[in-house]
Amino acid sequence: MKIDAIKVYQVDLPLKEGRYTWSDGRFVEVFDSTVIELITDSGLSGFGEVCPLGPFYLPAFGEGARAGIGELSSVLLGQDPTAISIVNDLMDRALLGHPYVKSVIDMACWDLLGKTAEKSVCALMGGAFGESVALYRAISQTSPDAMTECVAAYRAEGYKKFQLKVGGDPATDIERIKQTAALFDSGETLVADANTGWRVDNAIRISNAVRECDIYIEQPCRTYEQCLAVRRKTDLPFILDESVNCLHALLRAHQDGAMDAMNLKISKVGGLTKARQLRDLCVSLDIPMTIEDSWGGDITTAAIAHLAHSTPEKLRFSATDFNSYVTVKNAFGAPVRKNGNMSASDSPGLGIQPNMDALGEPVSEYRV
């Protein structure tokens, strides 16, 4: 099997809630998603998706993804997409960094490998643990009252895990956390995610102010060293996200005792192949994980489901169903949330069929 052509699509994904806001006043209303189709000489096609959380969250942006795919096209055309390790090596040698660009290609290769083997990606990654995967709901940053109401509404839909977007004014963040935590029952999980938005002194102040709450603190500050300083001055359980973007960063954080859990985003580390490497190391080190991506639609949600469902249940902190946040379906067959849970498809590959009406005409195309 060889890659004969690469088609690149751009899809706008408007939010059902209108706006998603997190630390420092950053927000997105319409997400810029990139979908690719790897067309092979066997007649099979594989699909992948990458959708940065705007251009100001991680070093990634929509137009950059599409430009990077064009840069890599010359080394990908003519290659066997099911030789995934070789494809990843070729990409890493041809383009330094830019893991989000490689992620969408790697995802499409896994889709093709599954279709060729007539197995789901979840099965290829070791098989499904349990019947379903518990999801968390991200609560966009607004007033304490509005965020509390939002949590109550989503609890009624079956969610038991919540991630509050904080990282704003310390006094307001303290109120957001305390007011929301007062709603919770035993067995529910609350995370205060500052998305790098706090100074070290404010992060310590806030953590001390809410120490009686049953809550996790996630990525309070911009750098790893700043987060570690906060970690050493609070007894609350700690999650790292933006600071853990590769295998070496994970090993360092584990050695330093810098976290109790981590957020594993597929495109942040370069795709399903490298995400699985980090996932398997976390399993060996007994580190719980939230398994997700920066953002996306149905194709990304399907990929998250396969990686999460093939992860042992005791180490699945949570996962995300991004397709429930947006108004556009870019594929059919993706997981659908039921009572705060989702399941990976057992159909070959990612188990999705592209919605060509949503994808429209390709914005670029590369051929042998």
Protein backbone atom coordinates (compact mmCIF):
# COMPACT_ATOMS: atom_id res chain seq x y z
CA MET A 1 0.00 0.00 0.00
CA LYS A 2 1.30 3.45 -0.94
CA ILE A 3 0.08 7.00 -0.42
CA ASP A 4 -1.00 8.32 -3.82
CA ALA A 5 -2.50 11.64 -2.71
CA ILE A 6 -3.11 13.87 0.30
CA LYS A 7 -6.19 16.06 0.45
CA VAL A 8 -6.40 18.84 3.04
CA TYR A 9 -9.71 20.31 4.23
CA GLN A 10 -10.45 23.31 6.45
CA VAL A 11 -13.59 23.15 8.62
CA ASP A 12 -15.00 25.83 10.93
CA LEU A 13 -16.41 24.43 14.17
CA PRO A 14 -18.68 26.97 15.92
CA LEU A 15 -19.33 26.40 19.62
CA LYS A 16 -22.79 25.51 20.91
CA GLU A 17 -22.27 27.79 23.91
CA GLY A 18 -21.09 30.63 21.68
CA ARG A 19 -17.72 31.23 23.33
CA TYR A 20 -15.06 29.24 25.18
CA THR A 21 -13.01 31.40 27.58
CA TRP A 22 -10.02 30.51 29.73
CA SER A 23 -7.13 32.30 31.49
CA ASP A 24 -5.93 35.82 30.64
CA GLY A 25 -9.19 36.58 28.84
CA ARG A 26 -8.35 34.29 25.92
CA PHE A 27 -11.35 32.93 24.05
CA VAL A 28 -12.46 31.17 20.87
CA GLU A 29 -15.90 31.25 19.26
CA VAL A 30 -15.22 29.29 16.05
CA PHE A 31 -12.48 26.66 15.97
CA ASP A 32 -10.29 26.29 12.88
CA SER A 33 -10.03 22.54 12.26
CA THR A 34 -7.87 20.79 9.65
CA VAL A 35 -8.88 17.39 8.27
CA ILE A 36 -6.73 15.31 5.94
CA GLU A 37 -7.47 12.38 3.70
CA LEU A 38 -4.62 10.01 2.82
CA ILE A 39 -5.60 8.31 -0.45
CA THR A 40 -3.80 5.04 -1.22
CA ASP A 41 -3.25 2.94 -4.31
CA SER A 42 -5.35 0.17 -2.69
CA GLY A 43 -8.50 2.27 -2.86
CA LEU A 44 -8.61 2.84 0.89
CA SER A 45 -8.48 6.31 2.46
CA GLY A 46 -7.51 7.29 6.00
CA PHE A 47 -8.67 10.41 7.83
CA GLY A 48 -7.19 12.54 10.59
CA GLU A 49 -7.98 15.84 12.29
CA VAL A 50 -6.06 18.51 14.19
CA CYS A 51 -7.66 21.57 15.78
CA PRO A 52 -5.52 23.94 17.86
CA LEU A 53 -7.18 25.87 20.68
CA GLY A 54 -6.64 29.13 18.84
CA PRO A 55 -3.13 30.45 18.08
CA PHE A 56 -2.39 31.45 21.69
CA TYR A 57 -2.71 28.27 23.75
CA LEU A 58 0.09 26.02 22.47
CA PRO A 59 2.64 26.75 19.70
CA ALA A 60 0.09 25.76 17.05
CA PHE A 61 -2.46 27.37 14.73
CA GLY A 62 -4.77 26.23 11.95
CA GLU A 63 -2.95 27.75 8.98
CA GLY A 64 0.31 26.41 10.37
CA ALA A 65 -1.09 22.88 10.35
CA ARG A 66 -2.04 23.15 6.70
CA ALA A 67 1.28 24.71 5.71
CA GLY A 68 3.15 21.98 7.59
CA ILE A 69 1.25 19.23 5.80
CA GLY A 70 2.37 20.75 2.51
CA GLU A 71 5.97 20.81 3.77
CA LEU A 72 5.79 17.09 4.63
CA SER A 73 3.90 15.97 1.54
CA SER A 74 7.03 15.27 -0.53
CA VAL A 75 8.37 12.74 1.99
CA LEU A 76 4.97 11.11 2.56
CA LEU A 77 3.81 10.50 -1.01
CA GLY A 78 4.75 7.01 -2.11
CA GLN A 79 5.19 5.74 1.46
CA ASP A 80 3.32 2.86 3.08
CA PRO A 81 1.01 4.58 5.62
CA THR A 82 0.66 1.38 7.65
CA ALA A 83 4.40 1.43 8.40
CA ILE A 84 3.66 3.96 11.10
CA SER A 85 7.05 3.99 12.80
CA ILE A 86 8.76 4.64 9.48
CA VAL A 87 6.31 7.42 8.64
CA ASN A 88 6.95 9.08 12.02
CA ASP A 89 10.72 8.82 11.54
CA LEU A 90 10.45 10.39 8.10
CA MET A 91 8.35 13.25 9.46
CA ASP A 92 10.70 13.89 12.38
CA ARG A 93 13.72 14.06 10.07
CA ALA A 94 11.99 16.25 7.50
CA LEU A 95 10.46 18.77 9.95
CA LEU A 96 11.86 19.60 13.38
CA GLY A 97 9.19 20.18 16.01
CA HIS A 98 5.63 21.08 14.95
CA PRO A 99 4.10 17.99 16.61
CA TYR A 100 0.54 19.13 15.86
CA VAL A 101 1.27 18.98 12.10
CA LYS A 102 2.51 15.39 12.41
CA SER A 103 -0.41 14.41 14.63
CA VAL A 104 -3.06 14.70 11.91
CA ILE A 105 -0.98 12.56 9.54
CA ASP A 106 -0.22 9.94 12.17
CA MET A 107 -3.94 9.74 13.04
CA ALA A 108 -4.84 9.09 9.39
CA CYS A 109 -2.17 6.37 9.24
CA TRP A 110 -3.74 4.60 12.23
CA ASP A 111 -7.12 4.85 10.52
CA LEU A 112 -5.64 3.13 7.46
CA LEU A 113 -3.82 0.49 9.52
CA GLY A 114 -7.10 -0.43 11.20
CA LYS A 115 -8.97 -0.60 7.92
CA THR A 116 -6.24 -2.79 6.40
CA ALA A 117 -6.18 -5.13 9.41
CA GLU A 118 -9.98 -4.97 9.73
CA LYS A 119 -9.60 -4.02 13.38
CA SER A 120 -10.41 -0.91 15.36
CA VAL A 121 -7.63 1.38 16.52
CA CYS A 122 -8.63 0.49 20.08
CA ALA A 123 -8.08 -3.22 19.32
CA LEU A 124 -4.72 -2.48 17.71
CA MET A 125 -3.71 -0.57 20.84
CA GLY A 126 -4.43 -3.54 23.07
CA GLY A 127 -8.21 -3.75 23.39
CA ALA A 128 -10.95 -1.99 25.31
CA PHE A 129 -10.90 -1.86 29.11
CA GLY A 130 -14.44 -1.73 30.46
CA GLU A 131 -17.67 -0.83 28.74
CA SER A 132 -17.13 2.92 28.42
CA VAL A 133 -14.92 5.91 29.24
CA ALA A 134 -15.93 8.53 31.81
CA LEU A 135 -15.82 12.09 30.45
CA TYR A 136 -15.15 15.46 31.99
CA ARG A 137 -16.86 18.70 31.07
CA ALA A 138 -14.84 21.90 30.70
CA ILE A 139 -16.61 24.92 32.19
CA SER A 140 -15.78 28.12 30.34
CA GLN A 141 -14.60 31.02 32.49
CA THR A 142 -17.41 33.40 33.41
CA SER A 143 -18.81 34.68 36.72
CA PRO A 144 -18.87 32.33 39.73
CA ASP A 145 -22.69 32.18 39.63
CA ALA A 146 -22.78 31.39 35.90
CA MET A 147 -20.13 28.70 36.21
CA THR A 148 -21.96 27.11 39.14
CA GLU A 149 -25.19 27.04 37.12
CA CYS A 150 -23.34 25.50 34.18
CA VAL A 151 -21.91 22.72 36.36
CA ALA A 152 -25.36 21.98 37.76
CA ALA A 153 -26.80 21.70 34.23
CA TYR A 154 -24.10 19.31 33.06
CA ARG A 155 -24.36 17.21 36.21
CA ALA A 156 -27.98 16.63 35.20
CA GLU A 157 -26.71 15.27 31.86
CA GLY A 158 -24.61 12.61 33.61
CA TYR A 159 -21.19 14.21 33.92
CA LYS A 160 -19.36 13.53 37.19
CA LYS A 161 -16.03 15.14 36.32
CA PHE A 162 -15.58 18.88 35.75
CA GLN A 163 -12.74 21.18 34.82
CA LEU A 164 -13.24 24.80 35.89
CA LYS A 165 -11.44 27.35 33.74
CA VAL A 166 -9.82 29.67 36.24
CA GLY A 167 -6.57 31.65 35.92
CA GLY A 168 -8.15 35.07 36.38
CA ASP A 169 -8.47 37.46 39.31
CA PRO A 170 -7.43 35.50 42.44
CA ALA A 171 -10.35 36.56 44.62
CA THR A 172 -12.84 35.70 41.86
CA ASP A 173 -11.12 32.36 41.21
CA ILE A 174 -11.36 31.48 44.90
CA GLU A 175 -15.09 32.19 44.77
CA ARG A 176 -15.48 30.17 41.56
CA ILE A 177 -13.85 27.16 43.18
CA LYS A 178 -15.59 27.35 46.56
CA GLN A 179 -19.03 28.01 45.12
CA THR A 180 -18.78 25.14 42.65
CA ALA A 181 -17.19 22.69 45.09
CA ALA A 182 -20.16 23.17 47.43
CA LEU A 183 -22.37 21.39 44.86
CA PHE A 184 -20.36 18.19 44.72
CA ASP A 185 -21.17 14.79 46.15
CA SER A 186 -18.89 11.85 46.88
CA GLY A 187 -17.61 10.23 43.69
CA GLU A 188 -17.52 13.45 41.68
CA THR A 189 -14.31 15.17 40.56
CA LEU A 190 -13.51 18.87 40.33
CA VAL A 191 -10.38 20.32 38.71
CA ALA A 192 -9.36 23.99 38.81
CA ASP A 193 -7.43 24.49 35.59
CA ALA A 194 -5.56 27.79 35.40
CA ASN A 195 -4.05 27.04 31.97
CA THR A 196 -0.77 28.77 32.98
CA GLY A 197 -2.67 31.92 34.03
CA TRP A 198 -1.53 32.42 37.65
CA ARG A 199 1.65 33.94 39.03
CA VAL A 200 3.41 31.71 41.54
CA ASP A 201 2.37 33.85 44.53
CA ASN A 202 -1.27 33.94 43.44
CA ALA A 203 -1.30 30.20 42.75
CA ILE A 204 -0.04 29.51 46.27
CA ARG A 205 -2.53 31.98 47.75
CA ILE A 206 -5.47 30.43 45.91
CA SER A 207 -4.41 26.85 46.70
CA ASN A 208 -4.19 27.71 50.40
CA ALA A 209 -7.56 29.48 50.32
CA VAL A 210 -9.36 26.43 48.85
CA ARG A 211 -7.39 23.70 50.63
CA GLU A 212 -10.54 22.50 52.42
CA CYS A 213 -12.18 21.78 49.05
CA ASP A 214 -11.94 18.36 47.38
CA ILE A 215 -10.22 19.64 44.24
CA TYR A 216 -7.26 19.18 41.92
CA ILE A 217 -5.05 22.08 40.80
CA GLU A 218 -4.04 21.92 37.12
CA GLN A 219 -1.15 23.74 35.39
CA PRO A 220 -1.27 26.89 37.54
CA CYS A 221 1.71 28.70 35.98
CA ARG A 222 3.46 29.12 32.65
CA THR A 223 6.72 27.24 33.22
CA TYR A 224 7.48 23.83 34.65
CA GLU A 225 9.72 25.36 37.31
CA GLN A 226 6.96 27.73 38.44
CA CYS A 227 4.44 24.90 38.66
CA LEU A 228 6.92 22.83 40.67
CA ALA A 229 7.37 25.71 43.13
CA VAL A 230 3.60 25.81 43.69
CA ARG A 231 3.39 22.04 43.94
CA ARG A 232 5.89 22.07 46.80
CA LYS A 233 3.76 24.52 48.79
CA THR A 234 0.33 22.88 48.56
CA ASP A 235 -1.15 19.61 49.76
CA LEU A 236 -3.81 19.59 47.04
CA PRO A 237 -3.40 16.97 44.28
CA PHE A 238 -1.67 18.36 41.22
CA ILE A 239 -2.08 17.90 37.46
CA LEU A 240 0.35 19.04 34.75
CA ASP A 241 -0.73 19.70 31.16
CA GLU A 242 1.09 22.26 29.02
CA SER A 243 4.45 21.49 30.67
CA VAL A 244 4.41 17.81 29.70
CA ASN A 245 4.78 17.72 25.92
CA CYS A 246 7.18 14.81 25.34
CA LEU A 247 8.59 11.65 26.90
CA HIS A 248 11.53 13.47 28.48
CA ALA A 249 9.25 16.03 30.14
CA LEU A 250 7.13 13.21 31.56
CA LEU A 251 10.19 11.45 32.99
CA ARG A 252 11.44 14.70 34.54
CA ALA A 253 8.07 15.48 36.12
CA HIS A 254 7.84 11.97 37.56
CA GLN A 255 11.37 12.10 38.95
CA ASP A 256 10.70 15.49 40.58
CA GLY A 257 7.37 14.38 42.03
CA ALA A 258 5.83 17.34 40.21
CA MET A 259 2.37 15.85 39.59
CA ASP A 260 -0.21 13.33 40.71
CA ALA A 261 -1.85 13.09 37.28
CA MET A 262 -1.25 14.45 33.78
CA ASN A 263 -3.20 15.70 30.81
CA LEU A 264 -2.22 13.82 27.64
CA LYS A 265 -3.19 15.68 24.47
CA ILE A 266 -2.71 13.77 21.22
CA SER A 267 -1.58 16.66 19.01
CA LYS A 268 0.59 18.19 21.74
CA VAL A 269 2.93 15.19 21.60
CA GLY A 270 2.79 14.47 17.85
CA GLY A 271 -0.02 11.98 17.30
CA LEU A 272 -1.48 8.68 18.48
CA THR A 273 1.85 6.86 18.12
CA LYS A 274 3.71 9.09 20.56
CA ALA A 275 0.66 9.56 22.78
CA ARG A 276 0.53 5.78 23.16
CA GLN A 277 4.21 5.77 24.18
CA LEU A 278 3.51 8.31 26.92
CA ARG A 279 0.32 6.51 27.88
CA ASP A 280 2.12 3.19 28.28
CA LEU A 281 4.88 4.80 30.36
CA CYS A 282 2.22 6.38 32.59
CA VAL A 283 0.66 2.95 33.02
CA SER A 284 4.03 1.55 34.09
CA LEU A 285 4.59 4.47 36.48
CA ASP A 286 1.01 4.36 37.82
CA ILE A 287 0.21 7.94 36.73
CA PRO A 288 -3.49 8.70 36.03
CA MET A 289 -4.25 10.51 32.78
CA THR A 290 -6.83 12.74 31.23
CA ILE A 291 -6.75 11.67 27.58
CA GLU A 292 -7.84 14.28 25.07
CA ASP A 293 -6.55 16.79 22.50
CA SER A 294 -6.31 20.56 22.15
CA TRP A 295 -9.74 20.61 20.45
CA GLY A 296 -11.56 19.07 17.48
CA GLY A 297 -14.73 17.55 16.12
CA ASP A 298 -15.93 14.01 15.44
CA ILE A 299 -12.67 12.67 14.03
CA THR A 300 -10.60 13.91 16.95
CA THR A 301 -13.21 12.62 19.40
CA ALA A 302 -13.03 9.18 17.80
CA ALA A 303 -9.23 9.13 18.17
CA ILE A 304 -9.48 10.19 21.82
CA ALA A 305 -12.00 7.40 22.46
CA HIS A 306 -9.71 4.72 20.99
CA LEU A 307 -6.68 5.82 23.01
CA ALA A 308 -8.70 6.26 26.21
CA HIS A 309 -10.71 3.04 25.92
CA SER A 310 -7.50 1.03 25.44
CA THR A 311 -6.10 2.50 28.69
CA PRO A 312 -6.59 0.58 31.96
CA GLU A 313 -9.59 1.97 33.83
CA LYS A 314 -7.73 2.64 37.08
CA LEU A 315 -5.43 5.07 35.25
CA ARG A 316 -8.11 6.86 33.21
CA PHE A 317 -8.62 10.08 35.10
CA SER A 318 -11.00 11.29 32.38
CA ALA A 319 -11.39 11.99 28.66
CA THR A 320 -13.18 14.50 26.42
CA ASP A 321 -16.00 14.37 23.86
CA PHE A 322 -15.24 17.51 21.85
CA ASN A 323 -17.92 16.73 19.28
CA SER A 324 -20.57 17.55 21.90
CA TYR A 325 -19.22 21.11 22.23
CA VAL A 326 -19.54 22.13 18.56
CA THR A 327 -22.38 22.59 16.08
CA VAL A 328 -20.82 20.97 12.98
CA LYS A 329 -20.38 17.25 12.37
CA ASN A 330 -17.27 16.61 10.29
CA ALA A 331 -17.78 12.83 10.34
CA PHE A 332 -20.38 10.17 11.04
CA GLY A 333 -19.90 7.20 13.37
CA ALA A 334 -17.97 9.03 16.09
CA PRO A 335 -18.72 8.28 19.75
CA VAL A 336 -21.84 9.88 21.18
CA ARG A 337 -21.96 10.75 24.88
CA LYS A 338 -24.38 8.80 27.06
CA ASN A 339 -24.75 9.75 30.73
CA GLY A 340 -21.32 11.32 30.88
CA ASN A 341 -19.56 8.43 29.13
CA MET A 342 -18.49 7.40 25.62
CA SER A 343 -17.21 4.22 23.98
CA ALA A 344 -14.75 3.59 21.17
CA SER A 345 -16.20 2.13 17.98
CA ASP A 346 -15.36 -1.49 17.17
CA SER A 347 -15.49 -0.75 13.41
CA PRO A 348 -12.18 -0.86 11.50
CA GLY A 349 -9.80 2.06 11.93
CA LEU A 350 -11.23 5.11 13.70
CA GLY A 351 -14.73 3.89 12.85
CA ILE A 352 -15.78 7.15 11.20
CA GLN A 353 -17.03 8.18 7.77
CA PRO A 354 -16.26 11.74 6.68
CA ASN A 355 -19.12 14.17 6.27
CA MET A 356 -18.15 15.52 2.86
CA ASP A 357 -20.86 18.18 3.00
CA ALA A 358 -19.10 19.64 6.04
CA LEU A 359 -15.59 19.18 4.63
CA GLY A 360 -16.38 20.82 1.32
CA GLU A 361 -13.70 21.09 -1.35
CA PRO A 362 -10.07 20.52 -0.33
CA VAL A 363 -8.05 23.69 0.25
CA SER A 364 -4.95 21.92 -1.02
CA GLU A 365 -4.05 18.60 -2.64
CA TYR A 366 -0.77 16.80 -3.18
CA ARG A 367 -0.20 13.87 -5.56
CA VAL A 368 2.60 11.56 -6.61
